[in-house]
């Protein structure tokens, strides 16, 4: 009778089995470390997805875009990507209806897809990027470039911007997206006197000092006085469209903020020549036309309350000689001085009504007073219809920080004999 084989005596068979497991199965050390490695890979993937999500969404606050201080949220998307292409934009539309003096003023019901905008940015590296705004107005097919510049991000305290740039004046000119300002139209004063949206070819520097003081300084092509009219300099914007650069302008802007953006106090000044060597007097000598614009503004935030205020003045020298020049082809009375101001207040009721921070329901009011012909050249008469008051009462609802629904009633007044019609407007805006 054969004797039983003791355990482990057939060592050759055991080592063969170990060899097979070594070829087809994971080593013991790998089995021990596989779970930690898998967890680590999941953590890395989650971090990468979170980073991608941040790059694809619009920043909600300036703190998320420190290098782009002053730009609107969608315009600043390119500053949030690590490298490569960024696409954003905004759009807005409204319906307007006059409510009185319709026959006398000639006002009519209107509907307009006011703007559709695409932001195209490209980040070449951590220190160089391109940012561009393309705009289609009034549902049309013609596209214009609102700005397109290169940024060289040297440090938070000093960066260089060159190309077609937005002029850093007022509250709205740089931050002109529909979720930033109230009402279906931008404040009248910042449309006409500043004048928004105002962009020119130029180069300059900007930065933040200690997170409290922010500055911008640019040298730009000047206005073209050939486009000046009864409402001032707005028609003289060249907007980087084969701009005549015989005359230059300069702008300096300063803003101070504190308390997690609880308040912002800013001011800016522009000075430049505008004749562009186009106009002469009776003797053939060149006429100089110069323009100065200065403004100061304030924004306050306290819980649900926000208050904004702005004052602006504009002066033109050389207007009398300009209107007498044989090269002047216009018939309008160009003003030598303009002035305007507004105060606006809004309060967010959503936290009180629903206890939610992700919604906003804000009643608001704004009063504007402006005179587009505060002074005119000697011997000419100012148009009283261009000295107006505007009282706007509105309500806006934001179901998302990228979408806003708007409604307002606008009461208009002036001292002229011509009729003005009050207006009701409803509309919407979005950024992406």
Protein backbone atom coordinates (compact mmCIF):
# COMPACT_ATOMS: atom_id res chain seq x y z
CA UNK A 1 0.00 0.00 0.00
CA UNK A 2 1.57 3.31 -1.08
CA UNK A 3 2.41 5.76 1.56
CA UNK A 4 0.49 9.09 1.49
CA UNK A 5 2.37 12.05 0.05
CA UNK A 6 3.00 14.61 2.74
CA UNK A 7 1.80 18.16 2.06
CA UNK A 8 4.26 20.34 0.07
CA UNK A 9 6.30 17.30 -0.90
CA UNK A 10 5.37 17.82 -4.58
CA UNK A 11 7.21 21.13 -4.60
CA UNK A 12 7.67 21.06 -8.37
CA UNK A 13 3.88 21.23 -8.87
CA UNK A 14 3.54 24.08 -6.38
CA UNK A 15 6.25 26.19 -8.01
CA UNK A 16 4.69 25.60 -11.41
CA UNK A 17 1.39 26.96 -10.10
CA UNK A 18 3.14 30.01 -8.65
CA UNK A 19 4.80 30.64 -12.02
CA UNK A 20 1.45 30.49 -13.83
CA UNK A 21 -0.08 32.95 -11.39
CA UNK A 22 2.92 35.20 -11.85
CA UNK A 23 2.34 35.35 -15.60
CA UNK A 24 -1.44 35.67 -15.71
CA UNK A 25 -2.27 37.35 -12.42
CA UNK A 26 -1.20 40.60 -10.76
CA UNK A 27 1.75 40.47 -8.37
CA UNK A 28 0.89 40.57 -4.71
CA UNK A 29 2.44 44.03 -4.33
CA UNK A 30 0.21 45.32 -7.13
CA UNK A 31 -2.84 43.78 -5.53
CA UNK A 32 -2.02 45.63 -2.34
CA UNK A 33 -1.56 49.01 -4.07
CA UNK A 34 -4.24 48.79 -6.79
CA UNK A 35 -7.01 50.34 -4.67
CA UNK A 36 -5.00 53.44 -3.56
CA UNK A 37 -3.83 53.99 -7.17
CA UNK A 38 -7.41 53.81 -8.43
CA UNK A 39 -8.56 56.32 -5.83
CA UNK A 40 -5.74 58.66 -6.83
CA UNK A 41 -6.71 58.42 -10.49
CA UNK A 42 -10.33 59.23 -9.64
CA UNK A 43 -9.21 62.27 -7.63
CA UNK A 44 -7.06 63.53 -10.52
CA UNK A 45 -9.90 63.03 -13.01
CA UNK A 46 -12.36 64.89 -10.75
CA UNK A 47 -9.91 67.80 -10.40
CA UNK A 48 -9.44 67.98 -14.16
CA UNK A 49 -13.21 67.94 -14.76
CA UNK A 50 -13.69 70.71 -12.18
CA UNK A 51 -11.00 72.79 -13.88
CA UNK A 52 -12.61 72.24 -17.29
CA UNK A 53 -16.02 73.22 -15.90
CA UNK A 54 -14.59 76.45 -14.50
CA UNK A 55 -13.08 77.29 -17.89
CA UNK A 56 -16.36 76.65 -19.73
CA UNK A 57 -18.59 78.70 -17.42
CA UNK A 58 -18.76 82.45 -17.06
CA UNK A 59 -17.04 83.88 -13.96
CA UNK A 60 -19.51 85.30 -11.44
CA UNK A 61 -17.22 87.78 -9.68
CA UNK A 62 -14.20 89.96 -10.36
CA UNK A 63 -12.28 87.90 -7.80
CA UNK A 64 -12.33 85.01 -10.29
CA UNK A 65 -10.71 87.19 -12.99
CA UNK A 66 -8.16 89.37 -11.17
CA UNK A 67 -6.14 90.10 -14.32
CA UNK A 68 -9.27 91.32 -16.16
CA UNK A 69 -10.45 93.87 -13.61
CA UNK A 70 -13.10 96.11 -15.20
CA UNK A 71 -14.28 93.80 -17.99
CA UNK A 72 -17.68 92.15 -17.99
CA UNK A 73 -17.92 88.50 -16.86
CA UNK A 74 -18.32 86.96 -20.32
CA UNK A 75 -15.64 89.21 -21.83
CA UNK A 76 -13.20 87.90 -19.23
CA UNK A 77 -13.64 84.17 -19.93
CA UNK A 78 -10.31 83.89 -21.74
CA UNK A 79 -8.50 84.88 -18.54
CA UNK A 80 -9.83 81.74 -16.87
CA UNK A 81 -8.59 79.16 -19.37
CA UNK A 82 -5.20 77.52 -18.94
CA UNK A 83 -4.34 77.70 -22.63
CA UNK A 84 -5.98 77.73 -26.04
CA UNK A 85 -9.36 78.86 -27.33
CA UNK A 86 -12.15 80.52 -25.34
CA UNK A 87 -15.64 81.34 -26.69
CA UNK A 88 -18.28 83.43 -24.92
CA UNK A 89 -20.66 86.26 -25.66
CA UNK A 90 -23.99 87.87 -24.92
CA UNK A 91 -27.27 88.88 -26.49
CA UNK A 92 -30.24 91.10 -25.71
CA UNK A 93 -33.66 91.90 -27.16
CA UNK A 94 -36.60 94.07 -26.15
CA UNK A 95 -40.12 95.25 -26.98
CA UNK A 96 -40.95 98.95 -26.52
CA UNK A 97 -44.25 100.80 -26.54
CA UNK A 98 -44.92 104.56 -26.16
CA UNK A 99 -47.68 105.29 -23.65
CA UNK A 100 -48.51 108.95 -24.34
CA UNK A 101 -47.88 111.73 -26.87
CA UNK A 102 -47.64 109.01 -29.49
CA UNK A 103 -49.11 111.04 -32.34
CA UNK A 104 -47.25 114.25 -31.46
CA UNK A 105 -43.85 112.63 -30.95
CA UNK A 106 -44.08 110.15 -33.81
CA UNK A 107 -43.09 107.31 -31.47
CA UNK A 108 -44.12 103.79 -32.50
CA UNK A 109 -44.18 100.31 -30.99
CA UNK A 110 -40.85 98.63 -31.63
CA UNK A 111 -39.26 95.19 -31.27
CA UNK A 112 -35.55 94.66 -31.75
CA UNK A 113 -32.99 91.91 -31.35
CA UNK A 114 -30.70 94.65 -30.19
CA UNK A 115 -27.39 92.83 -30.10
CA UNK A 116 -25.79 89.45 -30.49
CA UNK A 117 -22.13 89.28 -29.53
CA UNK A 118 -19.43 86.64 -29.72
CA UNK A 119 -16.25 86.81 -27.65
CA UNK A 120 -13.36 84.90 -29.16
CA UNK A 121 -10.23 84.64 -27.08
CA UNK A 122 -7.01 82.71 -27.33
CA UNK A 123 -4.50 82.21 -24.55
CA UNK A 124 -1.08 81.60 -26.06
CA UNK A 125 0.63 81.21 -22.70
CA UNK A 126 0.26 82.24 -19.08
CA UNK A 127 1.41 85.73 -20.01
CA UNK A 128 0.05 86.43 -23.53
CA UNK A 129 -3.55 86.33 -24.73
CA UNK A 130 -5.86 87.68 -27.43
CA UNK A 131 -9.40 88.89 -26.66
CA UNK A 132 -11.95 89.95 -29.30
CA UNK A 133 -15.60 91.06 -29.31
CA UNK A 134 -17.60 90.65 -32.54
CA UNK A 135 -21.03 92.28 -32.62
CA UNK A 136 -24.14 92.00 -34.77
CA UNK A 137 -26.69 94.77 -34.10
CA UNK A 138 -30.45 94.94 -34.73
CA UNK A 139 -30.63 91.39 -36.05
CA UNK A 140 -28.47 92.38 -39.01
CA UNK A 141 -25.84 90.45 -40.89
CA UNK A 142 -23.13 93.14 -40.72
CA UNK A 143 -20.48 92.41 -38.13
CA UNK A 144 -18.30 94.95 -36.34
CA UNK A 145 -15.30 94.55 -34.04
CA UNK A 146 -15.98 96.23 -30.67
CA UNK A 147 -12.50 95.41 -29.40
CA UNK A 148 -9.60 93.14 -30.25
CA UNK A 149 -6.39 93.39 -28.28
CA UNK A 150 -3.31 91.56 -27.11
CA UNK A 151 -2.66 91.42 -23.38
CA UNK A 152 0.82 90.89 -21.96
CA UNK A 153 0.25 89.82 -18.36
CA UNK A 154 3.51 90.77 -16.70
CA UNK A 155 2.25 90.97 -13.11
CA UNK A 156 -0.97 91.86 -11.24
CA UNK A 157 0.49 95.34 -10.74
CA UNK A 158 1.53 95.95 -14.35
CA UNK A 159 0.26 94.53 -17.64
CA UNK A 160 0.32 95.91 -21.18
CA UNK A 161 -2.66 96.00 -23.57
CA UNK A 162 -2.42 96.91 -27.28
CA UNK A 163 -4.83 96.90 -30.20
CA UNK A 164 -8.45 97.99 -30.42
CA UNK A 165 -9.21 98.67 -26.74
CA UNK A 166 -12.21 99.84 -24.74
CA UNK A 167 -11.68 103.28 -23.22
CA UNK A 168 -11.76 102.89 -19.40
CA UNK A 169 -14.35 105.57 -18.60
CA UNK A 170 -17.49 105.38 -16.49
CA UNK A 171 -19.27 102.33 -15.13
CA UNK A 172 -20.64 100.84 -18.36
CA UNK A 173 -18.15 101.31 -21.20
CA UNK A 174 -16.00 98.33 -20.26
CA UNK A 175 -18.71 96.37 -18.42
CA UNK A 176 -21.51 96.70 -20.97
CA UNK A 177 -23.08 93.23 -20.87
CA UNK A 178 -26.86 93.07 -20.26
CA UNK A 179 -26.52 91.27 -16.93
CA UNK A 180 -24.31 94.07 -15.58
CA UNK A 181 -26.42 97.20 -16.20
CA UNK A 182 -30.10 97.71 -15.39
CA UNK A 183 -32.81 98.38 -17.93
CA UNK A 184 -33.08 97.37 -21.55
CA UNK A 185 -30.91 100.34 -22.54
CA UNK A 186 -27.67 101.45 -20.97
CA UNK A 187 -27.87 104.70 -18.97
CA UNK A 188 -28.52 107.55 -21.41
CA UNK A 189 -25.62 109.63 -20.13
CA UNK A 190 -23.18 106.77 -20.68
CA UNK A 191 -24.52 106.28 -24.19
CA UNK A 192 -24.23 109.88 -25.33
CA UNK A 193 -21.61 111.86 -23.40
CA UNK A 194 -18.96 109.23 -22.58
CA UNK A 195 -19.98 107.67 -25.22
CA UNK A 196 -20.58 103.93 -24.74
CA UNK A 197 -19.52 101.68 -26.37
CA UNK A 198 -16.29 103.53 -27.10
CA UNK A 199 -13.24 101.73 -28.38
CA UNK A 200 -10.20 103.02 -30.27
CA UNK A 201 -6.78 101.85 -31.43
CA UNK A 202 -4.22 102.30 -28.70
CA UNK A 203 -1.66 100.94 -26.30
CA UNK A 204 -1.33 101.28 -22.56
CA UNK A 205 -0.92 99.69 -19.16
CA UNK A 206 -3.23 98.60 -16.37
CA UNK A 207 -2.90 96.88 -13.03
CA UNK A 208 -3.96 96.48 -9.41
CA UNK A 209 -2.04 97.77 -6.42
CA UNK A 210 -2.63 95.82 -3.26
CA UNK A 211 -6.06 94.68 -4.48
CA UNK A 212 -7.47 98.08 -3.49
CA UNK A 213 -6.32 100.56 -6.15
CA UNK A 214 -6.74 99.83 -9.85
CA UNK A 215 -5.43 101.94 -12.71
CA UNK A 216 -5.52 102.10 -16.52
CA UNK A 217 -3.64 104.47 -18.83
CA UNK A 218 -3.77 104.44 -22.64
CA UNK A 219 -2.63 106.45 -25.64
CA UNK A 220 -5.27 106.30 -28.40
CA UNK A 221 -6.15 107.70 -31.80
CA UNK A 222 -8.21 110.88 -31.32
CA UNK A 223 -11.82 111.54 -32.30
CA UNK A 224 -12.58 112.62 -35.86
CA UNK A 225 -14.36 116.01 -35.64
CA UNK A 226 -15.91 115.43 -39.08
CA UNK A 227 -18.41 113.17 -37.30
CA UNK A 228 -19.37 115.60 -34.52
CA UNK A 229 -23.02 116.65 -34.36
CA UNK A 230 -25.70 118.34 -32.30
CA UNK A 231 -25.40 115.68 -29.58
CA UNK A 232 -21.64 116.04 -29.29
CA UNK A 233 -18.71 113.75 -29.97
CA UNK A 234 -20.42 110.36 -30.30
CA UNK A 235 -20.33 110.41 -34.10
CA UNK A 236 -16.60 111.15 -33.96
CA UNK A 237 -15.67 107.72 -32.62
CA UNK A 238 -13.42 105.96 -35.12
CA UNK A 239 -13.74 102.49 -33.55
CA UNK A 240 -10.57 101.13 -35.20
CA UNK A 241 -12.17 101.35 -38.66
CA UNK A 242 -9.26 102.63 -40.77
CA UNK A 243 -8.86 105.31 -38.11
CA UNK A 244 -7.12 108.54 -38.98
CA UNK A 245 -4.22 108.87 -36.55
CA UNK A 246 -3.03 112.42 -37.22
CA UNK A 247 -4.21 113.37 -33.70
CA UNK A 248 -3.94 111.36 -30.54
CA UNK A 249 -5.72 111.23 -27.21
CA UNK A 250 -4.89 109.94 -23.78
CA UNK A 251 -6.97 108.56 -20.91
CA UNK A 252 -6.18 107.85 -17.27
CA UNK A 253 -8.56 105.95 -14.99
CA UNK A 254 -8.31 105.19 -11.27
CA UNK A 255 -10.63 103.11 -9.14
CA UNK A 256 -10.54 102.18 -5.47
CA UNK A 257 -12.50 99.32 -3.93
CA UNK A 258 -12.84 97.68 -0.54
CA UNK A 259 -14.69 95.23 1.63
CA UNK A 260 -15.03 92.39 -0.93
CA UNK A 261 -16.25 94.88 -3.53
CA UNK A 262 -18.67 96.48 -1.03
CA UNK A 263 -17.77 99.83 -2.54
CA UNK A 264 -16.03 101.19 -5.64
CA UNK A 265 -15.02 104.79 -6.16
CA UNK A 266 -13.53 105.77 -9.50
CA UNK A 267 -12.68 108.64 -11.79
CA UNK A 268 -11.21 109.05 -15.26
CA UNK A 269 -10.13 111.82 -17.61
CA UNK A 270 -9.62 111.96 -21.37
CA UNK A 271 -7.85 114.64 -23.42
CA UNK A 272 -7.17 114.64 -27.14
CA UNK A 273 -7.17 116.53 -30.42
CA UNK A 274 -9.91 115.78 -32.93
CA UNK A 275 -9.37 117.91 -36.04
CA UNK A 276 -7.11 115.23 -37.63
CA UNK A 277 -5.59 117.94 -39.85
CA UNK A 278 -8.77 118.13 -41.93
CA UNK A 279 -9.92 121.74 -41.37
CA UNK A 280 -8.56 125.18 -42.19
CA UNK A 281 -9.72 128.74 -41.60
CA UNK A 282 -10.23 131.47 -44.21
CA UNK A 283 -6.49 132.11 -44.37
CA UNK A 284 -5.67 128.45 -44.94
CA UNK A 285 -4.24 127.86 -41.46
CA UNK A 286 -5.03 124.57 -39.77
CA UNK A 287 -7.74 124.63 -37.11
CA UNK A 288 -7.18 122.83 -33.82
CA UNK A 289 -10.14 121.07 -32.18
CA UNK A 290 -9.56 119.56 -28.76
CA UNK A 291 -11.83 117.56 -26.49
CA UNK A 292 -11.83 116.89 -22.73
CA UNK A 293 -14.06 114.38 -20.93
CA UNK A 294 -13.97 113.81 -17.18
CA UNK A 295 -16.16 111.62 -15.00
CA UNK A 296 -16.46 110.29 -11.45
CA UNK A 297 -18.55 107.35 -10.31
CA UNK A 298 -19.53 105.44 -7.19
CA UNK A 299 -20.93 101.96 -6.59
CA UNK A 300 -22.07 100.74 -3.16
CA UNK A 301 -23.14 97.21 -2.19
CA UNK A 302 -24.69 96.32 1.16
CA UNK A 303 -26.53 93.02 1.45
CA UNK A 304 -29.32 93.28 -1.15
CA UNK A 305 -28.91 97.03 -1.75
CA UNK A 306 -26.86 98.45 -4.62
CA UNK A 307 -26.43 102.16 -5.37
CA UNK A 308 -24.69 103.67 -8.39
CA UNK A 309 -23.98 107.29 -9.21
CA UNK A 310 -22.06 109.00 -12.01
CA UNK A 311 -21.22 112.56 -13.06
CA UNK A 312 -19.62 113.45 -16.42
CA UNK A 313 -18.66 116.62 -18.25
CA UNK A 314 -17.34 117.14 -21.76
CA UNK A 315 -15.77 120.27 -23.34
CA UNK A 316 -14.77 121.09 -26.91
CA UNK A 317 -12.40 123.87 -27.96
CA UNK A 318 -12.18 125.24 -31.51
CA UNK A 319 -15.83 124.58 -32.38
CA UNK A 320 -16.59 128.09 -33.66
CA UNK A 321 -13.65 127.91 -36.08
CA UNK A 322 -14.65 124.38 -37.05
CA UNK A 323 -18.19 125.43 -38.01
CA UNK A 324 -16.81 128.34 -40.07
CA UNK A 325 -14.26 126.19 -41.89
CA UNK A 326 -14.80 125.72 -45.64
CA UNK A 327 -14.14 121.99 -45.11
CA UNK A 328 -17.01 121.65 -42.61
CA UNK A 329 -19.97 120.08 -44.40
CA UNK A 330 -22.41 119.72 -41.51
CA UNK A 331 -25.28 121.97 -40.48
CA UNK A 332 -25.64 120.91 -36.85
CA UNK A 333 -24.90 123.16 -33.89
CA UNK A 334 -21.99 121.31 -32.27
CA UNK A 335 -21.89 122.02 -28.51
CA UNK A 336 -18.85 123.40 -26.73
CA UNK A 337 -19.88 121.81 -23.41
CA UNK A 338 -22.04 118.91 -22.17
CA UNK A 339 -22.91 117.75 -18.67
CA UNK A 340 -24.89 114.95 -17.06
CA UNK A 341 -25.40 112.84 -13.97
CA UNK A 342 -27.48 109.95 -12.70
CA UNK A 343 -28.28 108.14 -9.49
CA UNK A 344 -29.56 104.54 -9.44
CA UNK A 345 -30.68 102.25 -6.63
CA UNK A 346 -31.79 98.59 -6.60
CA UNK A 347 -32.67 96.06 -3.94
CA UNK A 348 -32.65 92.27 -4.29
CA UNK A 349 -35.81 90.78 -2.73
CA UNK A 350 -35.08 87.11 -3.53
CA UNK A 351 -33.31 86.22 -0.25
CA UNK A 352 -36.19 87.75 1.74
CA UNK A 353 -39.00 86.24 -0.34
CA UNK A 354 -37.59 82.78 -1.03
CA UNK A 355 -34.44 82.50 1.08
CA UNK A 356 -32.40 81.77 -2.04
CA UNK A 357 -29.09 83.27 -3.11
CA UNK A 358 -29.15 81.75 -6.61
CA UNK A 359 -32.08 83.94 -7.73
CA UNK A 360 -32.42 87.72 -7.93
CA UNK A 361 -35.57 89.82 -8.03
CA UNK A 362 -34.65 93.50 -7.96
CA UNK A 363 -36.90 96.53 -8.25
CA UNK A 364 -34.81 99.55 -9.24
CA UNK A 365 -35.05 103.22 -10.12
CA UNK A 366 -32.74 105.62 -11.90
CA UNK A 367 -32.92 109.37 -12.37
CA UNK A 368 -30.81 110.98 -15.10
CA UNK A 369 -30.31 114.65 -15.89
CA UNK A 370 -28.25 115.76 -18.88
CA UNK A 371 -27.75 118.69 -21.21
CA UNK A 372 -26.12 117.79 -24.50
CA UNK A 373 -25.89 121.46 -25.47
CA UNK A 374 -25.06 123.08 -22.16
CA UNK A 375 -23.00 125.63 -24.10
CA UNK A 376 -22.84 126.33 -27.83
CA UNK A 377 -20.61 128.65 -29.92
CA UNK A 378 -21.33 132.35 -29.72
CA UNK A 379 -24.13 133.54 -31.97
CA UNK A 380 -25.88 130.14 -31.99
CA UNK A 381 -28.87 128.93 -29.99
CA UNK A 382 -28.91 125.72 -27.94
CA UNK A 383 -31.64 123.16 -28.56
CA UNK A 384 -33.76 122.89 -25.39
CA UNK A 385 -34.93 119.43 -26.46
CA UNK A 386 -31.40 118.15 -25.76
CA UNK A 387 -31.63 119.08 -22.07
CA UNK A 388 -33.63 116.24 -20.55
CA UNK A 389 -34.58 114.44 -17.39
CA UNK A 390 -35.29 110.70 -17.34
CA UNK A 391 -36.95 108.78 -14.50
CA UNK A 392 -36.86 105.01 -14.97
CA UNK A 393 -38.68 102.53 -12.73
CA UNK A 394 -37.87 98.90 -13.39
CA UNK A 395 -37.89 95.30 -12.27
CA UNK A 396 -35.39 92.62 -13.18
CA UNK A 397 -35.44 88.89 -12.48
CA UNK A 398 -32.44 86.62 -12.76
CA UNK A 399 -33.30 82.91 -12.75
CA UNK A 400 -29.60 82.29 -13.34
CA UNK A 401 -26.56 84.57 -13.02
CA UNK A 402 -26.20 84.36 -16.82
CA UNK A 403 -29.81 85.26 -17.72
CA UNK A 404 -31.87 88.35 -16.88
CA UNK A 405 -35.48 89.35 -17.64
CA UNK A 406 -36.15 93.10 -17.63
CA UNK A 407 -39.08 95.51 -17.55
CA UNK A 408 -39.16 99.27 -17.03
CA UNK A 409 -41.25 102.40 -17.36
CA UNK A 410 -39.38 105.51 -18.56
CA UNK A 411 -40.70 109.02 -17.99
CA UNK A 412 -39.01 111.69 -20.16
CA UNK A 413 -39.11 115.45 -19.68
CA UNK A 414 -37.57 118.62 -21.15
CA UNK A 415 -38.29 122.34 -21.48
CA UNK A 416 -38.77 122.39 -25.26
CA UNK A 417 -42.08 122.69 -27.03
CA UNK A 418 -41.59 119.40 -28.88
CA UNK A 419 -43.30 116.31 -27.49
CA UNK A 420 -41.61 113.39 -25.76
CA UNK A 421 -43.33 110.08 -25.20
CA UNK A 422 -42.98 108.00 -22.05
CA UNK A 423 -42.21 104.37 -22.81
CA UNK A 424 -42.68 100.86 -21.46
CA UNK A 425 -40.02 98.30 -22.32
CA UNK A 426 -39.75 94.57 -21.65
CA UNK A 427 -36.87 92.40 -22.71
CA UNK A 428 -34.19 89.90 -21.81
CA UNK A 429 -30.46 89.45 -21.90
CA UNK A 430 -28.01 86.59 -21.53
CA UNK A 431 -24.29 85.90 -21.37
CA UNK A 432 -22.51 82.65 -22.13
